[in-house]
N, C-alpha and C. Protein backbone atom coordinates (compact mmCIF):
# COMPACT_ATOMS: atom_id res chain seq x y z
N MET A 1 72.92 47.25 205.58
CA MET A 1 74.19 46.86 204.77
C MET A 1 75.45 46.32 205.31
N ALA A 2 75.94 45.66 204.85
CA ALA A 2 76.96 44.59 205.47
C ALA A 2 78.18 45.84 205.26
N GLU A 3 79.08 45.68 206.07
CA GLU A 3 80.36 46.23 205.89
C GLU A 3 81.06 45.89 204.79
N PRO A 4 81.99 46.93 204.55
CA PRO A 4 83.03 46.81 203.15
C PRO A 4 83.64 45.58 203.64
N ASP A 5 84.41 45.35 204.78
CA ASP A 5 85.08 44.31 204.88
C ASP A 5 84.61 42.86 204.87
N ALA A 6 83.10 43.04 204.94
CA ALA A 6 82.39 41.35 204.90
C ALA A 6 82.30 41.38 203.56
N HIS A 7 82.07 42.08 202.50
CA HIS A 7 81.96 42.22 201.03
C HIS A 7 83.17 41.83 200.49
N LEU A 8 84.39 42.12 200.72
CA LEU A 8 85.84 42.06 200.70
C LEU A 8 86.05 40.41 201.01
N ARG A 9 85.58 40.22 202.25
CA ARG A 9 85.86 38.66 202.67
C ARG A 9 85.18 37.57 201.91
N LYS A 10 84.00 38.21 201.74
CA LYS A 10 83.01 36.94 200.62
C LYS A 10 83.62 36.95 199.41
N PHE A 11 84.11 37.75 198.80
CA PHE A 11 84.23 37.99 197.42
C PHE A 11 85.82 36.92 197.60
N GLN A 12 86.69 37.10 198.47
CA GLN A 12 88.18 36.54 198.64
C GLN A 12 87.76 34.94 199.00
N LYS A 13 86.85 34.68 199.48
CA LYS A 13 86.39 33.31 199.72
C LYS A 13 85.70 32.65 198.45
N GLU A 14 85.07 33.36 197.58
CA GLU A 14 84.68 32.99 196.26
C GLU A 14 85.89 32.76 195.52
N LEU A 15 86.40 33.56 195.34
CA LEU A 15 87.66 33.42 194.52
C LEU A 15 88.38 32.24 195.08
N SER A 16 88.70 31.96 196.15
CA SER A 16 89.52 31.06 196.65
C SER A 16 89.21 29.78 196.48
N SER A 17 87.66 29.24 196.38
CA SER A 17 87.19 28.08 196.11
C SER A 17 87.65 27.39 195.05
N GLY A 18 87.85 27.75 193.64
CA GLY A 18 88.56 27.21 192.88
C GLY A 18 89.74 27.26 192.44
N THR A 19 90.65 28.27 193.09
CA THR A 19 91.66 28.22 193.00
C THR A 19 92.52 27.36 193.85
N VAL A 20 92.16 26.91 194.96
CA VAL A 20 92.58 26.03 195.83
C VAL A 20 93.06 24.65 195.35
N SER A 21 92.04 24.40 194.56
CA SER A 21 92.13 22.83 193.78
C SER A 21 93.32 22.88 192.79
N LEU A 22 93.33 24.14 191.98
CA LEU A 22 94.16 24.49 191.12
C LEU A 22 95.84 24.09 191.73
N ALA A 23 96.00 25.30 192.73
CA ALA A 23 97.04 25.42 193.52
C ALA A 23 97.70 23.98 194.32
N LEU A 24 96.67 22.99 194.55
CA LEU A 24 96.92 21.73 195.05
C LEU A 24 97.18 21.22 194.14
N LEU A 25 97.13 20.71 192.68
CA LEU A 25 97.00 20.21 191.72
C LEU A 25 98.63 20.81 191.29
N ALA A 26 98.80 21.85 191.05
CA ALA A 26 99.97 22.59 190.90
C ALA A 26 101.27 22.21 191.79
N VAL A 27 100.96 22.19 192.83
CA VAL A 27 102.19 21.82 193.97
C VAL A 27 102.62 20.24 194.01
N LEU A 28 101.39 19.72 193.76
CA LEU A 28 101.70 17.97 193.55
C LEU A 28 102.40 17.62 192.76
N ALA A 29 102.23 18.34 191.31
CA ALA A 29 102.71 17.89 189.93
C ALA A 29 104.09 18.52 190.32
N GLN A 30 104.45 19.39 190.76
CA GLN A 30 105.95 19.90 191.32
C GLN A 30 106.81 19.11 192.24
N ALA A 31 106.14 18.49 192.48
CA ALA A 31 106.61 17.69 193.95
C ALA A 31 107.78 16.62 193.75
N PRO A 32 108.90 16.59 193.85
CA PRO A 32 109.73 15.10 193.33
C PRO A 32 109.09 14.03 193.97
N GLU A 33 108.26 13.96 194.94
CA GLU A 33 107.76 12.89 195.80
C GLU A 33 106.67 12.97 196.29
N PRO A 34 105.67 11.63 196.78
CA PRO A 34 104.24 12.29 197.27
C PRO A 34 104.53 13.26 198.63
N MET A 35 103.24 13.89 199.15
CA MET A 35 103.51 14.81 200.14
C MET A 35 102.12 14.43 200.92
N TYR A 36 102.52 14.58 201.93
CA TYR A 36 101.41 14.63 203.10
C TYR A 36 100.70 16.06 203.22
N GLY A 37 99.50 16.11 203.68
CA GLY A 37 98.76 17.24 204.09
C GLY A 37 99.45 18.70 204.54
N TYR A 38 100.17 18.57 205.75
CA TYR A 38 100.85 19.60 206.43
C TYR A 38 101.89 20.13 205.48
N LEU A 39 102.71 19.13 204.85
CA LEU A 39 103.87 19.67 204.14
C LEU A 39 103.21 20.31 202.69
N ILE A 40 102.20 19.84 202.27
CA ILE A 40 101.29 20.67 201.12
C ILE A 40 101.20 21.85 201.68
N ALA A 41 100.25 21.85 202.73
CA ALA A 41 99.81 23.47 203.53
C ALA A 41 101.01 24.20 203.55
N LYS A 42 102.01 23.82 203.87
CA LYS A 42 103.39 24.45 204.23
C LYS A 42 103.78 25.09 202.83
N GLN A 43 103.69 24.20 201.59
CA GLN A 43 104.31 24.89 200.59
C GLN A 43 103.35 25.80 200.03
N LEU A 44 102.21 25.82 200.09
CA LEU A 44 101.49 26.65 199.72
C LEU A 44 101.28 27.83 200.31
N GLU A 45 101.61 28.16 201.74
CA GLU A 45 101.98 29.25 202.36
C GLU A 45 102.91 29.68 202.02
N ARG A 46 103.96 28.88 202.03
CA ARG A 46 105.17 29.60 201.39
C ARG A 46 105.11 30.08 199.96
N ASP A 47 104.66 29.44 199.12
CA ASP A 47 104.94 29.62 197.89
C ASP A 47 103.28 30.50 197.15
N GLY A 48 102.34 30.26 197.94
CA GLY A 48 101.24 30.49 197.51
C GLY A 48 100.41 31.91 197.90
N GLU A 49 101.19 32.53 198.40
CA GLU A 49 100.89 33.80 198.99
C GLU A 49 99.64 34.06 199.53
N GLY A 50 98.91 33.22 200.41
CA GLY A 50 97.81 33.33 201.16
C GLY A 50 96.93 32.63 200.42
N VAL A 51 96.99 31.63 199.21
CA VAL A 51 95.74 30.93 198.72
C VAL A 51 94.91 30.08 199.58
N LEU A 52 95.47 29.96 200.69
CA LEU A 52 94.77 29.00 201.36
C LEU A 52 94.55 29.87 202.79
N SER A 53 94.57 31.07 202.65
CA SER A 53 94.42 31.79 203.85
C SER A 53 94.66 31.61 205.40
N GLY A 54 95.44 30.68 205.47
CA GLY A 54 95.78 29.88 206.88
C GLY A 54 94.80 29.01 207.48
N LYS A 55 93.98 28.24 206.50
CA LYS A 55 92.60 27.59 206.74
C LYS A 55 93.34 26.08 206.09
N GLN A 56 94.26 25.91 207.08
CA GLN A 56 94.68 24.54 206.88
C GLN A 56 93.76 23.09 206.80
N SER A 57 92.74 23.19 207.57
CA SER A 57 91.71 22.25 207.50
C SER A 57 90.72 22.43 206.28
N ALA A 58 90.60 23.38 205.45
CA ALA A 58 90.02 23.68 204.37
C ALA A 58 90.88 22.77 203.18
N LEU A 59 92.02 22.38 203.62
CA LEU A 59 92.81 21.59 202.39
C LEU A 59 92.22 19.94 202.18
N TYR A 60 92.00 19.49 203.44
CA TYR A 60 91.55 18.12 203.40
C TYR A 60 90.45 17.72 202.83
N PRO A 61 89.29 18.40 202.80
CA PRO A 61 88.28 17.95 202.05
C PRO A 61 88.51 18.31 200.32
N VAL A 62 89.51 19.16 200.34
CA VAL A 62 89.64 19.33 198.55
C VAL A 62 90.41 18.13 198.25
N LEU A 63 91.45 17.86 199.13
CA LEU A 63 92.36 16.80 198.86
C LEU A 63 91.31 15.35 198.48
N ARG A 64 90.54 15.27 199.48
CA ARG A 64 89.68 14.00 199.24
C ARG A 64 89.04 14.07 197.86
N ASN A 65 88.47 15.25 197.55
CA ASN A 65 87.47 15.45 196.41
C ASN A 65 88.24 15.44 195.03
N LEU A 66 89.88 15.71 195.09
CA LEU A 66 90.41 15.35 193.95
C LEU A 66 90.90 14.13 193.84
N GLU A 67 91.11 13.37 194.84
CA GLU A 67 91.13 12.12 194.69
C GLU A 67 89.89 11.31 194.31
N ALA A 68 89.03 11.58 194.75
CA ALA A 68 87.65 10.86 194.36
C ALA A 68 87.56 11.11 192.88
N ALA A 69 87.66 12.31 192.24
CA ALA A 69 87.61 12.43 190.88
C ALA A 69 88.79 11.84 190.12
N GLY A 70 89.56 11.13 191.03
CA GLY A 70 90.70 10.40 190.32
C GLY A 70 92.30 11.02 189.92
N TRP A 71 92.22 12.12 190.18
CA TRP A 71 93.28 13.07 190.02
C TRP A 71 94.43 12.96 191.07
N LEU A 72 93.93 12.46 191.58
CA LEU A 72 95.22 11.97 192.95
C LEU A 72 95.18 10.66 193.48
N GLN A 73 96.05 10.21 193.80
CA GLN A 73 96.21 9.06 194.57
C GLN A 73 96.74 9.19 195.91
N SER A 74 96.52 8.30 197.15
CA SER A 74 96.92 8.47 198.39
C SER A 74 97.37 7.11 198.54
N SER A 75 98.50 7.41 199.58
CA SER A 75 98.70 6.08 200.42
C SER A 75 98.89 6.53 202.12
N VAL A 76 98.44 5.37 202.67
CA VAL A 76 98.95 5.87 204.31
C VAL A 76 100.11 5.22 204.46
N GLU A 77 100.77 5.87 205.37
CA GLU A 77 102.23 5.19 205.92
C GLU A 77 102.49 5.73 207.52
N PRO A 78 103.19 4.74 207.93
CA PRO A 78 103.35 5.04 209.58
C PRO A 78 104.31 6.14 209.48
N SER A 79 104.30 6.95 210.62
CA SER A 79 104.77 7.78 210.88
C SER A 79 105.83 7.54 212.24
N VAL A 80 107.14 8.57 212.01
CA VAL A 80 108.20 7.71 213.20
C VAL A 80 107.64 8.53 214.48
N ALA A 81 107.18 9.98 214.61
CA ALA A 81 106.58 10.41 215.76
C ALA A 81 105.00 10.50 215.16
N GLY A 82 104.18 10.16 215.82
CA GLY A 82 102.68 10.50 215.88
C GLY A 82 101.85 9.41 214.84
N PRO A 83 100.74 9.74 214.70
CA PRO A 83 99.88 8.99 213.88
C PRO A 83 100.33 8.64 212.44
N PRO A 84 99.92 7.74 211.65
CA PRO A 84 100.28 7.40 210.35
C PRO A 84 99.77 8.65 209.56
N ARG A 85 100.53 8.92 208.14
CA ARG A 85 100.46 10.18 207.28
C ARG A 85 99.72 9.65 205.99
N ARG A 86 98.96 10.47 205.69
CA ARG A 86 98.19 10.07 204.12
C ARG A 86 99.07 11.04 203.51
N TYR A 87 99.54 9.99 202.25
CA TYR A 87 100.77 10.89 201.46
C TYR A 87 100.02 11.17 199.96
N TYR A 88 100.08 11.91 199.24
CA TYR A 88 99.56 12.41 197.91
C TYR A 88 100.26 12.53 196.88
N ARG A 89 100.14 12.12 195.57
CA ARG A 89 100.63 12.16 194.29
C ARG A 89 99.38 12.47 193.55
N ILE A 90 100.00 12.96 192.42
CA ILE A 90 98.99 13.44 191.41
C ILE A 90 99.09 12.31 190.17
N THR A 91 98.06 11.78 189.70
CA THR A 91 97.91 11.01 188.54
C THR A 91 98.09 11.83 187.07
N GLU A 92 98.14 10.52 186.36
CA GLU A 92 98.30 11.40 184.77
C GLU A 92 97.22 12.33 184.47
N ALA A 93 95.65 11.61 185.03
CA ALA A 93 94.64 12.32 184.91
C ALA A 93 94.62 13.77 185.43
N GLY A 94 95.31 13.90 186.61
CA GLY A 94 95.45 14.83 187.33
C GLY A 94 96.12 16.03 186.61
N ARG A 95 97.31 15.32 185.96
CA ARG A 95 98.14 16.31 185.54
C ARG A 95 97.50 17.00 184.07
N GLN A 96 96.73 16.18 183.44
CA GLN A 96 95.93 16.77 182.57
C GLN A 96 94.60 17.88 182.63
N THR A 97 94.59 17.13 183.60
CA THR A 97 93.29 18.54 184.55
C THR A 97 93.78 19.55 184.86
N LEU A 98 95.34 19.54 185.47
CA LEU A 98 95.95 20.99 185.76
C LEU A 98 96.23 21.74 184.32
N ARG A 99 96.76 20.98 183.48
CA ARG A 99 97.14 21.61 182.21
C ARG A 99 95.79 22.30 181.66
N ASP A 100 94.49 21.81 181.52
CA ASP A 100 93.43 22.70 181.31
C ASP A 100 92.98 23.53 181.92
N TRP A 101 92.93 23.33 183.53
CA TRP A 101 92.67 24.48 184.39
C TRP A 101 93.61 25.73 184.36
N ALA A 102 94.88 24.93 184.19
CA ALA A 102 95.76 26.17 184.20
C ALA A 102 95.68 27.27 182.73
N ALA A 103 95.21 26.39 181.64
CA ALA A 103 94.77 27.30 180.49
C ALA A 103 93.57 28.17 181.01
N ALA A 104 92.53 27.62 181.39
CA ALA A 104 91.26 28.15 181.66
C ALA A 104 91.88 29.42 182.50
N TRP A 105 92.27 29.14 183.63
CA TRP A 105 92.93 30.17 184.44
C TRP A 105 93.70 31.47 184.12
N ARG A 106 94.72 30.90 183.05
CA ARG A 106 95.26 31.94 182.34
C ARG A 106 94.47 32.86 181.21
N ALA A 107 93.49 32.53 180.57
CA ALA A 107 92.90 33.05 180.01
C ALA A 107 91.67 33.77 180.68
N THR A 108 91.24 33.49 181.84
CA THR A 108 90.29 34.13 182.76
C THR A 108 91.11 35.49 183.46
N ARG A 109 92.05 35.33 183.90
CA ARG A 109 92.88 35.97 184.16
C ARG A 109 93.42 37.17 183.41
N ASP A 110 93.71 37.03 182.07
CA ASP A 110 94.10 37.59 181.20
C ASP A 110 92.69 38.50 180.84
N SER A 111 91.79 38.15 180.73
CA SER A 111 90.35 38.83 180.54
C SER A 111 89.83 39.81 181.53
N VAL A 112 90.26 39.28 182.88
CA VAL A 112 89.92 40.30 183.86
C VAL A 112 90.79 41.42 183.90
N ASP A 113 92.07 41.11 183.59
CA ASP A 113 93.33 42.11 184.09
C ASP A 113 92.98 43.18 182.62
N TYR A 114 92.48 42.50 181.51
CA TYR A 114 92.40 43.58 180.22
C TYR A 114 91.13 44.46 180.56
N VAL A 115 90.06 43.64 181.34
CA VAL A 115 88.35 44.84 181.73
C VAL A 115 89.23 45.76 182.71
N LEU A 116 90.29 45.38 183.76
CA LEU A 116 90.40 45.94 184.64
C LEU A 116 91.64 47.33 184.59
N LYS A 117 92.14 46.91 183.41
CA LYS A 117 93.52 47.90 183.21
C LYS A 117 92.94 49.25 183.35
N GLY A 118 93.72 49.96 183.87
CA GLY A 118 93.68 51.63 184.23
C GLY A 118 92.81 51.93 185.61
N ILE A 119 92.49 50.54 186.48
CA ILE A 119 91.67 51.04 187.78
C ILE A 119 92.88 50.58 188.57
N GLY A 120 93.09 51.55 189.31
CA GLY A 120 94.34 51.51 190.32
C GLY A 120 93.78 51.05 191.64
């Protein structure tokens, strides 16, 4: 039988898979200007309380998937120090998706919270 910690890690990974996309869209929707990956990761670390769990490398495939879906646009710009950076911004379709996903998130959260009431 697997260790309880292994089950918890698996559960956390499964929860994280959908919420990362939601969190990325939210960060970019609130950003006053386009952001590159490292800045997005730092914002999530600061405000997301572990939504990425310190795995910045997981961010880039999700960003590419969101862009492929038409929810983000990106452009590559030269960097003063180091290689060029890819900057992302949310599209109008991405904003609509964010609204839809946020509503689904809240409904799911509320339902689960209701079922879990009284469990400490």
